[in-house]
Amino acid sequence: MENLKALQSIDTKLKDLNDLLGDLPSKVDELNQQEDLIKSTLEGNKERLKEIAVESHKREVRIAEINIKVNRLKDQLFLVTNNKQYDALMVEIDHLKDQRSTFENESLSLMEEKETLTESVETMDSELGTLSSDLTVRREKLESAISDSADEKSSLEEKRIEKVDGIDFNTVSIYNRVCEARNGLAVVSLSGNGCGGCGAHVPMQKVTEIRANIVIHRCDVCGRFLYSENNSVN
């Protein structure tokens, strides 16, 4: 029982160390994921802006080329000698105008996309700066907390191994299961004639044996190991 009590004391201290860190590790992981996502999206948007610049330039060149062709064809209208030639030139001019209209619409869509992406990039750049600052602070806190508790945690883990070695395998297995089910508390003292963990009544025969340290008993309700403070050993 003394080994179980010591093991419980060690595990309680280890739990306190983990609780001290709180949700900081998971929060840092979450922020890291957010940062990676923003960076990835930001990189993609910037690449798209480069593509838009290239595509817009190509359309500007094509529109300029079409304008030159249309103007030349319009000049030729004054030189035609019959309606057939005139109609053929007009068909070609209309076809070029349709092409120009398509390129102009595409250029307009690209400009709108560029404006949206530019705003998004500016917003994400700002968010990334804020997030990175927040991450830096949290990482420093986490590293400091881990560093401060590292030596103590290592020492406690070594002591735990020693205590576990002094307890039979079956008892340790039960202890671990109860710990997991009872929020890390598997060994408790009697509270009067009741369990110090759940408050359930403990039969007088068990109470007597626990106080006499004759045999190890567990609570019939919560399954915790029971001991008496009157027989605790420092």
C-alpha atoms as a PDB file:
ATOM      1  CA  MET A   1       0.000   0.000   0.000  1.00  0.00           C
ATOM      2  CA  GLU A   2       2.858   2.372   0.768  1.00  0.00           C
ATOM      3  CA  ASN A   3       4.174   1.845  -2.776  1.00  0.00           C
ATOM      4  CA  LEU A   4       0.706   2.523  -4.186  1.00  0.00           C
ATOM      5  CA  LYS A   5       0.409   5.707  -2.136  1.00  0.00           C
ATOM      6  CA  ALA A   6       3.842   6.812  -3.305  1.00  0.00           C
ATOM      7  CA  LEU A   7       2.923   5.985  -6.910  1.00  0.00           C
ATOM      8  CA  GLN A   8      -0.272   8.009  -6.589  1.00  0.00           C
ATOM      9  CA  SER A   9       1.691  10.949  -5.176  1.00  0.00           C
ATOM     10  CA  ILE A  10       4.115  10.817  -8.121  1.00  0.00           C
ATOM     11  CA  ASP A  11       1.320  10.566 -10.679  1.00  0.00           C
ATOM     12  CA  THR A  12      -0.517  13.477  -9.056  1.00  0.00           C
ATOM     13  CA  LYS A  13       2.598  15.633  -9.339  1.00  0.00           C
ATOM     14  CA  LEU A  14       3.078  14.582 -12.975  1.00  0.00           C
ATOM     15  CA  LYS A  15      -0.558  15.460 -13.675  1.00  0.00           C
ATOM     16  CA  ASP A  16      -0.057  18.841 -12.018  1.00  0.00           C
ATOM     17  CA  LEU A  17       2.932  19.482 -14.281  1.00  0.00           C
ATOM     18  CA  ASN A  18       0.891  18.611 -17.371  1.00  0.00           C
ATOM     19  CA  ASP A  19      -2.010  20.751 -16.125  1.00  0.00           C
ATOM     20  CA  LEU A  20       0.439  23.603 -15.643  1.00  0.00           C
ATOM     21  CA  LEU A  21       1.064  23.580 -19.390  1.00  0.00           C
ATOM     22  CA  GLY A  22      -2.700  23.512 -19.906  1.00  0.00           C
ATOM     23  CA  ASP A  23      -3.837  23.679 -23.515  1.00  0.00           C
ATOM     24  CA  LEU A  24      -0.731  25.611 -24.549  1.00  0.00           C
ATOM     25  CA  PRO A  25       0.818  22.729 -26.547  1.00  0.00           C
ATOM     26  CA  SER A  26      -2.408  22.057 -28.465  1.00  0.00           C
ATOM     27  CA  LYS A  27      -2.951  25.801 -28.970  1.00  0.00           C
ATOM     28  CA  VAL A  28       0.553  26.165 -30.389  1.00  0.00           C
ATOM     29  CA  ASP A  29      -0.099  23.209 -32.719  1.00  0.00           C
ATOM     30  CA  GLU A  30      -3.377  24.784 -33.806  1.00  0.00           C
ATOM     31  CA  LEU A  31      -1.706  28.124 -34.497  1.00  0.00           C
ATOM     32  CA  ASN A  32       1.086  26.356 -36.387  1.00  0.00           C
ATOM     33  CA  GLN A  33      -1.530  24.727 -38.611  1.00  0.00           C
ATOM     34  CA  GLN A  34      -3.254  28.080 -39.160  1.00  0.00           C
ATOM     35  CA  GLU A  35       0.066  29.687 -40.025  1.00  0.00           C
ATOM     36  CA  ASP A  36       0.921  26.908 -42.500  1.00  0.00           C
ATOM     37  CA  LEU A  37      -2.532  27.191 -44.113  1.00  0.00           C
ATOM     38  CA  ILE A  38      -2.294  30.975 -44.474  1.00  0.00           C
ATOM     39  CA  LYS A  39       1.233  30.728 -45.853  1.00  0.00           C
ATOM     40  CA  SER A  40       0.146  28.082 -48.355  1.00  0.00           C
ATOM     41  CA  THR A  41      -2.920  30.061 -49.434  1.00  0.00           C
ATOM     42  CA  LEU A  42      -0.915  33.274 -49.567  1.00  0.00           C
ATOM     43  CA  GLU A  43       1.730  31.659 -51.737  1.00  0.00           C
ATOM     44  CA  GLY A  44      -0.958  30.298 -54.047  1.00  0.00           C
ATOM     45  CA  ASN A  45      -2.640  33.707 -54.349  1.00  0.00           C
ATOM     46  CA  LYS A  46       0.651  35.435 -55.121  1.00  0.00           C
ATOM     47  CA  GLU A  47       1.409  32.861 -57.800  1.00  0.00           C
ATOM     48  CA  ARG A  48      -2.049  33.424 -59.261  1.00  0.00           C
ATOM     49  CA  LEU A  49      -1.428  37.180 -59.337  1.00  0.00           C
ATOM     50  CA  LYS A  50       1.703  36.531 -61.388  1.00  0.00           C
ATOM     51  CA  GLU A  51      -0.317  34.346 -63.758  1.00  0.00           C
ATOM     52  CA  ILE A  52      -2.993  37.044 -64.044  1.00  0.00           C
ATOM     53  CA  ALA A  53      -0.339  39.637 -64.946  1.00  0.00           C
ATOM     54  CA  VAL A  54       0.952  37.385 -67.736  1.00  0.00           C
ATOM     55  CA  GLU A  55      -2.537  36.525 -68.997  1.00  0.00           C
ATOM     56  CA  SER A  56      -3.651  40.163 -68.893  1.00  0.00           C
ATOM     57  CA  HIS A  57      -0.586  41.237 -70.852  1.00  0.00           C
ATOM     58  CA  LYS A  58      -1.270  38.581 -73.517  1.00  0.00           C
ATOM     59  CA  ARG A  59      -4.838  39.841 -73.931  1.00  0.00           C
ATOM     60  CA  GLU A  60      -3.711  43.459 -74.091  1.00  0.00           C
ATOM     61  CA  VAL A  61      -1.304  42.503 -76.864  1.00  0.00           C
ATOM     62  CA  ARG A  62      -4.034  40.593 -78.734  1.00  0.00           C
ATOM     63  CA  ILE A  63      -6.501  43.475 -78.366  1.00  0.00           C
ATOM     64  CA  ALA A  64      -3.881  45.902 -79.681  1.00  0.00           C
ATOM     65  CA  GLU A  65      -3.167  43.582 -82.631  1.00  0.00           C
ATOM     66  CA  ILE A  66      -6.880  43.269 -83.391  1.00  0.00           C
ATOM     67  CA  ASN A  67      -7.332  47.049 -83.276  1.00  0.00           C
ATOM     68  CA  ILE A  68      -4.548  47.437 -85.816  1.00  0.00           C
ATOM     69  CA  LYS A  69      -6.130  44.818 -88.107  1.00  0.00           C
ATOM     70  CA  VAL A  70      -9.593  46.366 -87.768  1.00  0.00           C
ATOM     71  CA  ASN A  71      -8.264  49.817 -88.630  1.00  0.00           C
ATOM     72  CA  ARG A  72      -6.461  48.435 -91.667  1.00  0.00           C
ATOM     73  CA  LEU A  73      -9.604  46.636 -92.858  1.00  0.00           C
ATOM     74  CA  LYS A  74     -11.648  49.807 -92.350  1.00  0.00           C
ATOM     75  CA  ASP A  75      -9.152  51.669 -94.528  1.00  0.00           C
ATOM     76  CA  GLN A  76      -9.589  48.979 -97.187  1.00  0.00           C
ATOM     77  CA  LEU A  77     -13.361  49.583 -97.225  1.00  0.00           C
ATOM     78  CA  PHE A  78     -12.716  52.807 -99.109  1.00  0.00           C
ATOM     79  CA  LEU A  79     -10.807  50.932-101.790  1.00  0.00           C
ATOM     80  CA  VAL A  80     -13.293  48.182-102.605  1.00  0.00           C
ATOM     81  CA  THR A  81     -14.967  48.240-105.999  1.00  0.00           C
ATOM     82  CA  ASN A  82     -17.986  46.008-105.376  1.00  0.00           C
ATOM     83  CA  ASN A  83     -20.411  44.891-102.678  1.00  0.00           C
ATOM     84  CA  LYS A  84     -18.952  41.391-102.473  1.00  0.00           C
ATOM     85  CA  GLN A  85     -15.541  42.717-101.430  1.00  0.00           C
ATOM     86  CA  TYR A  86     -17.212  45.148 -99.037  1.00  0.00           C
ATOM     87  CA  ASP A  87     -19.303  42.380 -97.414  1.00  0.00           C
ATOM     88  CA  ALA A  88     -16.246  40.126 -97.063  1.00  0.00           C
ATOM     89  CA  LEU A  89     -14.296  42.880 -95.318  1.00  0.00           C
ATOM     90  CA  MET A  90     -17.228  43.605 -92.962  1.00  0.00           C
ATOM     91  CA  VAL A  91     -17.520  39.916 -92.060  1.00  0.00           C
ATOM     92  CA  GLU A  92     -13.824  39.838 -91.189  1.00  0.00           C
ATOM     93  CA  ILE A  93     -14.104  43.094 -89.213  1.00  0.00           C
ATOM     94  CA  ASP A  94     -17.092  41.769 -87.253  1.00  0.00           C
ATOM     95  CA  HIS A  95     -15.232  38.541 -86.537  1.00  0.00           C
ATOM     96  CA  LEU A  96     -12.236  40.496 -85.204  1.00  0.00           C
ATOM     97  CA  LYS A  97     -14.526  42.677 -83.112  1.00  0.00           C
ATOM     98  CA  ASP A  98     -16.083  39.552 -81.592  1.00  0.00           C
ATOM     99  CA  GLN A  99     -12.615  38.289 -80.745  1.00  0.00           C
ATOM    100  CA  ARG A 100     -11.724  41.664 -79.249  1.00  0.00           C
ATOM    101  CA  SER A 101     -14.903  41.660 -77.181  1.00  0.00           C
ATOM    102  CA  THR A 102     -14.044  38.208 -75.822  1.00  0.00           C
ATOM    103  CA  PHE A 103     -10.530  39.316 -74.899  1.00  0.00           C
ATOM    104  CA  GLU A 104     -11.879  42.508 -73.303  1.00  0.00           C
ATOM    105  CA  ASN A 105     -14.362  40.526 -71.188  1.00  0.00           C
ATOM    106  CA  GLU A 106     -11.612  38.134 -70.154  1.00  0.00           C
ATOM    107  CA  SER A 107      -9.373  41.100 -69.267  1.00  0.00           C
ATOM    108  CA  LEU A 108     -12.175  42.583 -67.168  1.00  0.00           C
ATOM    109  CA  SER A 109     -12.648  39.285 -65.313  1.00  0.00           C
ATOM    110  CA  LEU A 110      -8.913  39.063 -64.725  1.00  0.00           C
ATOM    111  CA  MET A 111      -8.876  42.616 -63.362  1.00  0.00           C
ATOM    112  CA  GLU A 112     -11.720  41.799 -60.967  1.00  0.00           C
ATOM    113  CA  GLU A 113      -9.951  38.637 -59.859  1.00  0.00           C
ATOM    114  CA  LYS A 114      -6.749  40.623 -59.395  1.00  0.00           C
ATOM    115  CA  GLU A 115      -8.506  43.169 -57.171  1.00  0.00           C
ATOM    116  CA  THR A 116     -10.050  40.422 -55.041  1.00  0.00           C
ATOM    117  CA  LEU A 117      -6.773  38.532 -54.728  1.00  0.00           C
ATOM    118  CA  THR A 118      -4.823  41.708 -53.947  1.00  0.00           C
ATOM    119  CA  GLU A 119      -7.195  42.530 -51.081  1.00  0.00           C
ATOM    120  CA  SER A 120      -6.984  38.935 -49.876  1.00  0.00           C
ATOM    121  CA  VAL A 121      -3.185  38.968 -49.995  1.00  0.00           C
ATOM    122  CA  GLU A 122      -3.039  42.230 -48.034  1.00  0.00           C
ATOM    123  CA  THR A 123      -5.457  40.851 -45.421  1.00  0.00           C
ATOM    124  CA  MET A 124      -3.577  37.561 -45.091  1.00  0.00           C
ATOM    125  CA  ASP A 125      -0.237  39.353 -44.875  1.00  0.00           C
ATOM    126  CA  SER A 126      -1.640  41.299 -41.928  1.00  0.00           C
ATOM    127  CA  GLU A 127      -3.176  38.184 -40.345  1.00  0.00           C
ATOM    128  CA  LEU A 128       0.075  36.286 -40.813  1.00  0.00           C
ATOM    129  CA  GLY A 129       2.018  39.026 -39.074  1.00  0.00           C
ATOM    130  CA  THR A 130      -0.354  39.010 -36.107  1.00  0.00           C
ATOM    131  CA  LEU A 131      -0.453  35.212 -36.006  1.00  0.00           C
ATOM    132  CA  SER A 132       3.326  34.929 -36.196  1.00  0.00           C
ATOM    133  CA  SER A 133       3.685  37.371 -33.289  1.00  0.00           C
ATOM    134  CA  ASP A 134       1.138  35.409 -31.270  1.00  0.00           C
ATOM    135  CA  LEU A 135       2.912  32.164 -32.117  1.00  0.00           C
ATOM    136  CA  THR A 136       6.275  33.572 -31.065  1.00  0.00           C
ATOM    137  CA  VAL A 137       4.888  34.559 -27.656  1.00  0.00           C
ATOM    138  CA  ARG A 138       3.135  31.221 -27.143  1.00  0.00           C
ATOM    139  CA  ARG A 139       6.160  29.223 -28.293  1.00  0.00           C
ATOM    140  CA  GLU A 140       8.353  31.113 -25.848  1.00  0.00           C
ATOM    141  CA  LYS A 141       5.866  30.438 -23.035  1.00  0.00           C
ATOM    142  CA  LEU A 142       5.662  26.769 -23.955  1.00  0.00           C
ATOM    143  CA  GLU A 143       9.428  26.353 -24.232  1.00  0.00           C
ATOM    144  CA  SER A 144       9.894  28.159 -20.920  1.00  0.00           C
ATOM    145  CA  ALA A 145       7.244  26.041 -19.180  1.00  0.00           C
ATOM    146  CA  ILE A 146       8.658  22.820 -20.609  1.00  0.00           C
ATOM    147  CA  SER A 147      12.189  23.835 -19.691  1.00  0.00           C
ATOM    148  CA  ASP A 148      11.184  24.741 -16.137  1.00  0.00           C
ATOM    149  CA  SER A 149       9.401  21.442 -15.589  1.00  0.00           C
ATOM    150  CA  ALA A 150      11.706  19.149 -17.588  1.00  0.00           C
ATOM    151  CA  ASP A 151      14.099  18.237 -14.770  1.00  0.00           C
ATOM    152  CA  GLU A 152      11.310  17.701 -12.244  1.00  0.00           C
ATOM    153  CA  LYS A 153       9.304  15.633 -14.710  1.00  0.00           C
ATOM    154  CA  SER A 154      12.325  13.478 -15.557  1.00  0.00           C
ATOM    155  CA  SER A 155      13.012  12.871 -11.865  1.00  0.00           C
ATOM    156  CA  LEU A 156       9.385  11.971 -11.173  1.00  0.00           C
ATOM    157  CA  GLU A 157       9.277   9.568 -14.119  1.00  0.00           C
ATOM    158  CA  GLU A 158      12.395   7.788 -12.802  1.00  0.00           C
ATOM    159  CA  LYS A 159      10.831   7.507  -9.349  1.00  0.00           C
ATOM    160  CA  ARG A 160       7.637   6.204 -10.906  1.00  0.00           C
ATOM    161  CA  ILE A 161       9.498   3.398 -12.643  1.00  0.00           C
ATOM    162  CA  GLU A 162      11.086   2.444  -9.334  1.00  0.00           C
ATOM    163  CA  LYS A 163       7.725   2.361  -7.544  1.00  0.00           C
ATOM    164  CA  VAL A 164       6.044   0.378 -10.321  1.00  0.00           C
ATOM    165  CA  ASP A 165       8.828  -2.203 -10.116  1.00  0.00           C
ATOM    166  CA  GLY A 166       7.954  -2.677  -6.439  1.00  0.00           C
ATOM    167  CA  ILE A 167       4.285  -3.479  -7.133  1.00  0.00           C
ATOM    168  CA  ASP A 168       2.948  -6.666  -8.686  1.00  0.00           C
ATOM    169  CA  PHE A 169       1.853  -6.452 -12.326  1.00  0.00           C
ATOM    170  CA  ASN A 170      -1.838  -7.164 -11.686  1.00  0.00           C
ATOM    171  CA  THR A 171      -2.124  -4.434  -9.065  1.00  0.00           C
ATOM    172  CA  VAL A 172      -0.398  -1.930 -11.341  1.00  0.00           C
ATOM    173  CA  SER A 173      -2.786  -2.836 -14.170  1.00  0.00           C
ATOM    174  CA  ILE A 174      -5.796  -2.242 -11.920  1.00  0.00           C
ATOM    175  CA  TYR A 175      -4.270   1.001 -10.645  1.00  0.00           C
ATOM    176  CA  ASN A 176      -3.728   2.274 -14.196  1.00  0.00           C
ATOM    177  CA  ARG A 177      -7.298   1.429 -15.213  1.00  0.00           C
ATOM    178  CA  VAL A 178      -8.762   3.161 -12.163  1.00  0.00           C
ATOM    179  CA  CYS A 179      -6.525   6.187 -12.747  1.00  0.00           C
ATOM    180  CA  GLU A 180      -7.776   6.484 -16.289  1.00  0.00           C
ATOM    181  CA  ALA A 181     -11.395   6.125 -15.216  1.00  0.00           C
ATOM    182  CA  ARG A 182     -11.151   8.403 -12.148  1.00  0.00           C
ATOM    183  CA  ASN A 183      -9.317  11.445 -13.496  1.00  0.00           C
ATOM    184  CA  GLY A 184      -5.910  10.299 -12.281  1.00  0.00           C
ATOM    185  CA  LEU A 185      -6.924   9.471  -8.688  1.00  0.00           C
ATOM    186  CA  ALA A 186      -6.750   5.757  -7.863  1.00  0.00           C
ATOM    187  CA  VAL A 187      -5.578   5.781  -4.233  1.00  0.00           C
ATOM    188  CA  VAL A 188      -7.513   7.639  -1.523  1.00  0.00           C
ATOM    189  CA  SER A 189      -7.707   7.667   2.247  1.00  0.00           C
ATOM    190  CA  LEU A 190     -10.734   6.752   4.287  1.00  0.00           C
ATOM    191  CA  SER A 191     -13.017   9.600   5.175  1.00  0.00           C
ATOM    192  CA  GLY A 192     -14.547   8.380   8.427  1.00  0.00           C
ATOM    193  CA  ASN A 193     -16.120   5.101   7.400  1.00  0.00           C
ATOM    194  CA  GLY A 194     -16.439   6.155   3.762  1.00  0.00           C
ATOM    195  CA  CYS A 195     -14.402   6.284   0.599  1.00  0.00           C
ATOM    196  CA  GLY A 196     -12.385   9.489   0.357  1.00  0.00           C
ATOM    197  CA  GLY A 197     -12.909   9.488  -3.382  1.00  0.00           C
ATOM    198  CA  CYS A 198     -16.625   8.960  -3.987  1.00  0.00           C
ATOM    199  CA  GLY A 199     -17.969   9.046  -0.412  1.00  0.00           C
ATOM    200  CA  ALA A 200     -19.472   5.565  -0.594  1.00  0.00           C
ATOM    201  CA  HIS A 201     -19.909   3.688   2.690  1.00  0.00           C
ATOM    202  CA  VAL A 202     -17.197   1.148   3.473  1.00  0.00           C
ATOM    203  CA  PRO A 203     -18.213  -1.916   5.573  1.00  0.00           C
ATOM    204  CA  MET A 204     -16.826  -1.823   9.121  1.00  0.00           C
ATOM    205  CA  GLN A 205     -14.887  -5.091   8.621  1.00  0.00           C
ATOM    206  CA  LYS A 206     -13.041  -3.502   5.682  1.00  0.00           C
ATOM    207  CA  VAL A 207     -12.495  -0.286   7.636  1.00  0.00           C
ATOM    208  CA  THR A 208     -10.910  -2.255  10.466  1.00  0.00           C
ATOM    209  CA  GLU A 209      -8.628  -4.175   8.116  1.00  0.00           C
ATOM    210  CA  ILE A 210      -7.649  -1.021   6.228  1.00  0.00           C
ATOM    211  CA  ARG A 211      -6.796   0.796   9.457  1.00  0.00           C
ATOM    212  CA  ALA A 212      -4.831  -2.207  10.658  1.00  0.00           C
ATOM    213  CA  ASN A 213      -3.066  -2.323   7.307  1.00  0.00           C
ATOM    214  CA  ILE A 214      -3.827  -6.057   7.139  1.00  0.00           C
ATOM    215  CA  VAL A 215      -4.924  -6.230   3.492  1.00  0.00           C
ATOM    216  CA  ILE A 216      -5.372  -3.908   0.533  1.00  0.00           C
ATOM    217  CA  HIS A 217      -9.009  -3.067  -0.142  1.00  0.00           C
ATOM    218  CA  ARG A 218     -10.751  -1.142  -2.898  1.00  0.00           C
ATOM    219  CA  CYS A 219     -13.975   0.832  -2.833  1.00  0.00           C
ATOM    220  CA  ASP A 220     -16.891  -1.322  -4.013  1.00  0.00           C
ATOM    221  CA  VAL A 221     -18.364   1.678  -5.864  1.00  0.00           C
ATOM    222  CA  CYS A 222     -15.538   3.607  -7.551  1.00  0.00           C
ATOM    223  CA  GLY A 223     -12.829   0.923  -7.436  1.00  0.00           C
ATOM    224  CA  ARG A 224     -10.195   3.152  -5.816  1.00  0.00           C
ATOM    225  CA  PHE A 225      -7.602   1.686  -3.465  1.00  0.00           C
ATOM    226  CA  LEU A 226      -8.257   2.660   0.155  1.00  0.00           C
ATOM    227  CA  TYR A 227      -5.874   3.394   3.027  1.00  0.00           C
ATOM    228  CA  SER A 228      -6.083   4.972   6.450  1.00  0.00           C
ATOM    229  CA  GLU A 229      -4.324   8.220   7.273  1.00  0.00           C
ATOM    230  CA  ASN A 230      -3.817   6.876  10.790  1.00  0.00           C
ATOM    231  CA  ASN A 231      -1.332   4.390   9.355  1.00  0.00           C
ATOM    232  CA  SER A 232       0.275   6.601   6.726  1.00  0.00           C
ATOM    233  CA  VAL A 233       4.012   6.499   6.614  1.00  0.00           C
ATOM    234  CA  ASN A 234       6.066   9.523   5.629  1.00  0.00           C
END
